[in-house]
Amino acid sequence: MKRLIFACVLFVWVLSGCSGLPVQPLPYFSPSPFPSSTPVILSPTPIILPPPITATAPTGAPTTATQTSTTPTASLTSTPSPTGTMTSILTSTPLPVSLTPTLTATPFTAVNTIILSCNTSLDISHGMGEVTNAYVTIQNTGNTELIDVCATLNAPDEGRAHPDKTKCVASLPTGYQVTEKLTVDSTFGKSTPIQVDILSADHLLQRAAQNACTSFDFLPPNIGSLGTVTPMPTP
């Protein structure tokens, strides 16, 4: 037993004291593989199938092979597109249109003043001497009714105010007229020019004048109805 232990110890010491074999092995390099060549790409060979061969052999007759070539036929199937019917939400229904032109006249006021005649006379009833008279027709040629239409006679040599210096009518409708006799106190023996002012509701509408009244009459001329509103004569 002791010998065995001694022999093992001696073996271990010999191994640890020497480097083993006197010739050290060369280092090993793994060889590099040779570069591989580019692989050859082979196109796949299409498989060509022979056309079908139909053999028709009647009884007792030699068999004849008939080759039938099949031509591929492209079939295009068109899919019908859905056709939709669009109904407009707003249905345009023709509405009856009746255009009636309405002419609205703009209101305007117009009068036409005509001095029919003028003369001089004596007015004893009012305590006056010579007076000048004017017979005036007032026509409403506008399109509105005239209210409180008054005609006033004026003279430059006028003395006292005569009661008939101004005459009025309450209303003068469109297309109507009125004739008035107007009088002013004038100077005896003197040619007197006159002027007539036409007013409606205290607004002056028109003035009419005459240079002189030289005719002397005791009797008034036949003018017709004075102070009466009548329709204007139709031309």
Protein backbone atom coordinates (compact mmCIF):
# COMPACT_ATOMS: atom_id res chain seq x y z
CA MET A 1 0.00 0.00 0.00
CA LYS A 2 2.73 2.48 0.85
CA ARG A 3 4.51 1.61 -2.32
CA LEU A 4 1.45 2.39 -4.33
CA ILE A 5 1.05 5.77 -2.72
CA PHE A 6 4.75 6.53 -3.24
CA ALA A 7 4.53 5.54 -6.87
CA CYS A 8 1.54 7.87 -7.43
CA VAL A 9 3.24 10.79 -5.74
CA LEU A 10 6.38 10.22 -7.79
CA PHE A 11 4.36 10.14 -10.99
CA VAL A 12 2.60 13.37 -10.18
CA TRP A 13 5.90 15.09 -9.32
CA VAL A 14 7.48 13.96 -12.58
CA LEU A 15 4.60 15.31 -14.55
CA SER A 16 4.61 18.68 -12.82
CA GLY A 17 8.38 19.16 -13.13
CA CYS A 18 8.72 18.66 -16.88
CA SER A 19 6.84 20.11 -19.81
CA GLY A 20 6.05 16.77 -21.18
CA LEU A 21 7.27 15.82 -24.66
CA PRO A 22 10.55 17.36 -25.87
CA VAL A 23 8.93 18.28 -29.25
CA GLN A 24 6.07 20.74 -28.91
CA PRO A 25 3.26 20.31 -31.41
CA LEU A 26 2.76 23.12 -34.02
CA PRO A 27 -0.25 25.33 -33.65
CA TYR A 28 -3.23 24.23 -35.65
CA PHE A 29 -4.85 26.60 -38.08
CA SER A 30 -8.18 25.62 -39.45
CA PRO A 31 -8.01 25.67 -43.22
CA SER A 32 -10.14 28.33 -44.97
CA PRO A 33 -12.66 26.83 -47.30
CA PHE A 34 -12.21 27.51 -51.01
CA PRO A 35 -14.63 30.13 -52.34
CA SER A 36 -17.56 28.52 -53.92
CA SER A 37 -18.49 29.39 -57.48
CA THR A 38 -21.70 31.27 -58.36
CA PRO A 39 -24.47 28.74 -58.59
CA VAL A 40 -25.89 28.23 -62.03
CA ILE A 41 -29.51 29.31 -62.23
CA LEU A 42 -31.44 27.12 -64.54
CA SER A 43 -34.79 28.40 -65.82
CA PRO A 44 -37.49 25.88 -65.27
CA THR A 45 -38.39 24.15 -68.43
CA PRO A 46 -42.10 24.65 -69.13
CA ILE A 47 -44.05 21.52 -69.24
CA ILE A 48 -45.53 21.24 -72.68
CA LEU A 49 -48.34 18.81 -72.78
CA PRO A 50 -49.17 17.23 -76.08
CA PRO A 51 -52.64 18.01 -77.39
CA PRO A 52 -55.16 15.32 -76.71
CA ILE A 53 -55.36 12.59 -79.25
CA THR A 54 -58.72 11.11 -79.90
CA ALA A 55 -58.75 7.70 -81.51
CA THR A 56 -61.86 6.66 -83.35
CA ALA A 57 -61.87 3.11 -84.51
CA PRO A 58 -64.94 1.71 -86.20
CA THR A 59 -65.47 -2.00 -86.16
CA GLY A 60 -63.41 -3.77 -88.80
CA ALA A 61 -61.64 -0.56 -89.97
CA PRO A 62 -58.05 0.45 -89.32
CA THR A 63 -57.55 2.80 -86.45
CA THR A 64 -56.80 6.40 -87.48
CA ALA A 65 -55.50 8.84 -84.96
CA THR A 66 -57.10 12.24 -85.23
CA GLN A 67 -55.23 15.12 -83.64
CA THR A 68 -57.46 17.87 -82.40
CA SER A 69 -55.81 21.11 -81.51
CA THR A 70 -57.42 22.94 -78.72
CA THR A 71 -57.20 26.70 -79.01
CA PRO A 72 -57.63 28.46 -75.72
CA THR A 73 -60.48 30.90 -75.89
CA ALA A 74 -60.58 33.86 -73.59
CA SER A 75 -64.02 34.46 -72.24
CA LEU A 76 -64.72 37.96 -70.97
CA THR A 77 -67.66 38.17 -68.67
CA SER A 78 -68.90 41.67 -68.13
CA THR A 79 -70.51 42.25 -64.82
CA PRO A 80 -73.38 44.64 -65.20
CA SER A 81 -72.90 47.69 -63.04
CA PRO A 82 -75.80 48.46 -60.80
CA THR A 83 -77.98 51.13 -62.26
CA GLY A 84 -79.42 53.40 -59.69
CA THR A 85 -82.39 55.68 -60.20
CA MET A 86 -81.79 59.03 -58.57
CA THR A 87 -84.87 60.85 -57.54
CA SER A 88 -84.33 64.50 -56.85
CA ILE A 89 -85.48 65.52 -53.42
CA LEU A 90 -86.44 68.89 -54.75
CA THR A 91 -89.02 68.30 -57.44
CA SER A 92 -89.25 71.36 -59.59
CA THR A 93 -92.94 71.84 -60.19
CA PRO A 94 -93.76 74.71 -62.51
CA LEU A 95 -95.75 77.25 -60.58
CA PRO A 96 -98.25 79.40 -62.38
CA VAL A 97 -96.83 82.87 -62.47
CA SER A 98 -99.19 85.67 -63.22
CA LEU A 99 -97.48 88.99 -63.59
CA THR A 100 -99.89 91.87 -63.56
CA PRO A 101 -98.13 95.17 -63.93
CA THR A 102 -99.31 97.60 -61.33
CA LEU A 103 -98.81 101.22 -62.14
CA THR A 104 -98.76 103.35 -59.03
CA ALA A 105 -99.04 107.01 -59.82
CA THR A 106 -96.98 109.35 -57.70
CA PRO A 107 -99.27 111.85 -56.02
CA PHE A 108 -98.83 115.37 -57.32
CA THR A 109 -100.76 118.60 -57.04
CA ALA A 110 -101.45 120.84 -60.01
CA VAL A 111 -103.96 123.53 -60.89
CA ASN A 112 -104.77 125.57 -63.94
CA THR A 113 -106.00 129.14 -63.39
CA ILE A 114 -107.85 130.98 -66.17
CA ILE A 115 -108.89 134.65 -65.95
CA LEU A 116 -112.03 134.61 -68.08
CA SER A 117 -112.79 138.31 -67.87
CA CYS A 118 -112.16 141.43 -65.79
CA ASN A 119 -113.91 144.84 -65.65
CA THR A 120 -114.51 147.83 -63.48
CA SER A 121 -117.84 148.88 -61.95
CA LEU A 122 -119.43 150.77 -59.04
CA ASP A 123 -120.20 149.00 -55.74
CA ILE A 124 -122.75 151.15 -53.96
CA SER A 125 -124.04 148.31 -51.75
CA HIS A 126 -120.76 148.17 -49.85
CA GLY A 127 -120.26 151.94 -49.83
CA MET A 128 -117.43 151.82 -52.34
CA GLY A 129 -116.96 153.65 -55.57
CA GLU A 130 -115.12 152.04 -58.42
CA VAL A 131 -114.15 148.40 -58.00
CA THR A 132 -112.34 145.91 -60.22
CA ASN A 133 -113.92 142.50 -60.81
CA ALA A 134 -112.23 139.36 -62.10
CA TYR A 135 -113.94 136.14 -63.17
CA VAL A 136 -111.54 133.27 -62.54
CA THR A 137 -111.82 129.53 -63.26
CA ILE A 138 -109.72 127.14 -61.15
CA GLN A 139 -109.15 123.59 -62.52
CA ASN A 140 -107.69 120.68 -60.57
CA THR A 141 -105.33 119.04 -63.11
CA GLY A 142 -103.39 116.96 -60.56
CA ASN A 143 -104.16 113.48 -59.25
CA THR A 144 -104.99 114.41 -55.64
CA GLU A 145 -108.02 116.11 -54.19
CA LEU A 146 -107.51 119.72 -53.16
CA ILE A 147 -108.83 120.83 -49.77
CA ASP A 148 -109.81 124.39 -48.84
CA VAL A 149 -109.11 125.88 -52.25
CA CYS A 150 -109.13 129.67 -52.14
CA ALA A 151 -108.66 132.35 -54.80
CA THR A 152 -107.57 135.86 -53.75
CA LEU A 153 -107.58 138.95 -56.01
CA ASN A 154 -104.89 141.63 -55.50
CA ALA A 155 -104.36 145.06 -57.06
CA PRO A 156 -101.51 147.59 -56.52
CA ASP A 157 -103.92 150.55 -56.00
CA GLU A 158 -106.28 148.61 -53.71
CA GLY A 159 -108.12 150.63 -51.07
CA ARG A 160 -110.35 148.99 -48.49
CA ALA A 161 -110.62 145.21 -48.34
CA HIS A 162 -113.64 144.09 -50.31
CA PRO A 163 -115.78 141.21 -48.90
CA ASP A 164 -115.44 139.36 -52.23
CA LYS A 165 -111.66 139.74 -52.39
CA THR A 166 -111.29 136.00 -51.51
CA LYS A 167 -113.56 133.08 -52.42
CA CYS A 168 -113.07 129.46 -51.24
CA VAL A 169 -114.48 125.97 -51.79
CA ALA A 170 -114.09 123.17 -49.25
CA SER A 171 -113.00 120.51 -51.79
CA LEU A 172 -111.98 120.42 -55.42
CA PRO A 173 -111.63 116.80 -56.67
CA THR A 174 -109.36 115.73 -59.49
CA GLY A 175 -110.78 116.65 -62.90
CA TYR A 176 -113.16 119.26 -61.50
CA GLN A 177 -113.26 123.04 -61.71
CA VAL A 178 -114.92 126.03 -60.10
CA THR A 179 -115.48 129.61 -61.34
CA GLU A 180 -115.47 132.53 -58.90
CA LYS A 181 -116.10 136.28 -59.10
CA LEU A 182 -113.45 138.23 -57.17
CA THR A 183 -113.57 141.97 -56.41
CA VAL A 184 -111.09 144.57 -55.07
CA ASP A 185 -111.48 148.24 -54.25
CA SER A 186 -109.53 150.12 -56.92
CA THR A 187 -108.81 153.77 -57.83
CA PHE A 188 -111.36 155.49 -60.01
CA GLY A 189 -110.30 156.15 -63.62
CA LYS A 190 -106.96 154.44 -63.30
CA SER A 191 -105.83 151.36 -65.24
CA THR A 192 -105.33 148.67 -62.65
CA PRO A 193 -103.32 145.45 -63.18
CA ILE A 194 -104.56 142.46 -61.20
CA GLN A 195 -103.12 139.25 -59.77
CA VAL A 196 -104.91 136.11 -58.56
CA ASP A 197 -103.33 133.79 -55.96
CA ILE A 198 -104.59 130.19 -55.71
CA LEU A 199 -104.03 128.47 -52.36
CA SER A 200 -104.91 125.04 -50.97
CA ALA A 201 -104.77 124.56 -47.19
CA ASP A 202 -102.80 127.82 -46.97
CA HIS A 203 -100.19 126.61 -49.50
CA LEU A 204 -99.68 128.74 -52.58
CA LEU A 205 -100.27 126.68 -55.74
CA GLN A 206 -100.31 129.22 -58.58
CA ARG A 207 -100.44 132.90 -59.50
CA ALA A 208 -102.19 134.33 -62.54
CA ALA A 209 -101.98 137.99 -63.60
CA GLN A 210 -103.37 140.43 -66.14
CA ASN A 211 -101.93 143.83 -67.03
CA ALA A 212 -105.05 145.97 -66.83
CA CYS A 213 -108.82 145.89 -66.87
CA THR A 214 -110.11 148.74 -69.01
CA SER A 215 -113.65 147.51 -69.65
CA PHE A 216 -116.29 149.31 -67.61
CA ASP A 217 -119.58 147.36 -67.15
CA PHE A 218 -122.58 147.94 -64.96
CA LEU A 219 -123.87 144.44 -65.62
CA PRO A 220 -121.70 141.38 -64.97
CA PRO A 221 -120.98 139.08 -67.94
CA ASN A 222 -122.84 135.80 -68.27
CA ILE A 223 -120.25 133.43 -66.89
CA GLY A 224 -122.62 130.70 -65.74
CA SER A 225 -122.76 129.07 -62.34
CA LEU A 226 -120.42 130.80 -59.91
CA GLY A 227 -119.03 128.99 -56.88
CA THR A 228 -120.25 125.58 -58.11
CA VAL A 229 -117.82 122.69 -58.52
CA THR A 230 -118.38 121.05 -61.91
CA PRO A 231 -116.47 118.50 -64.01
CA MET A 232 -113.86 119.90 -66.34
CA PRO A 233 -114.98 119.96 -70.00
CA THR A 234 -113.67 117.11 -72.10
CA PRO A 235 -111.40 118.34 -74.91
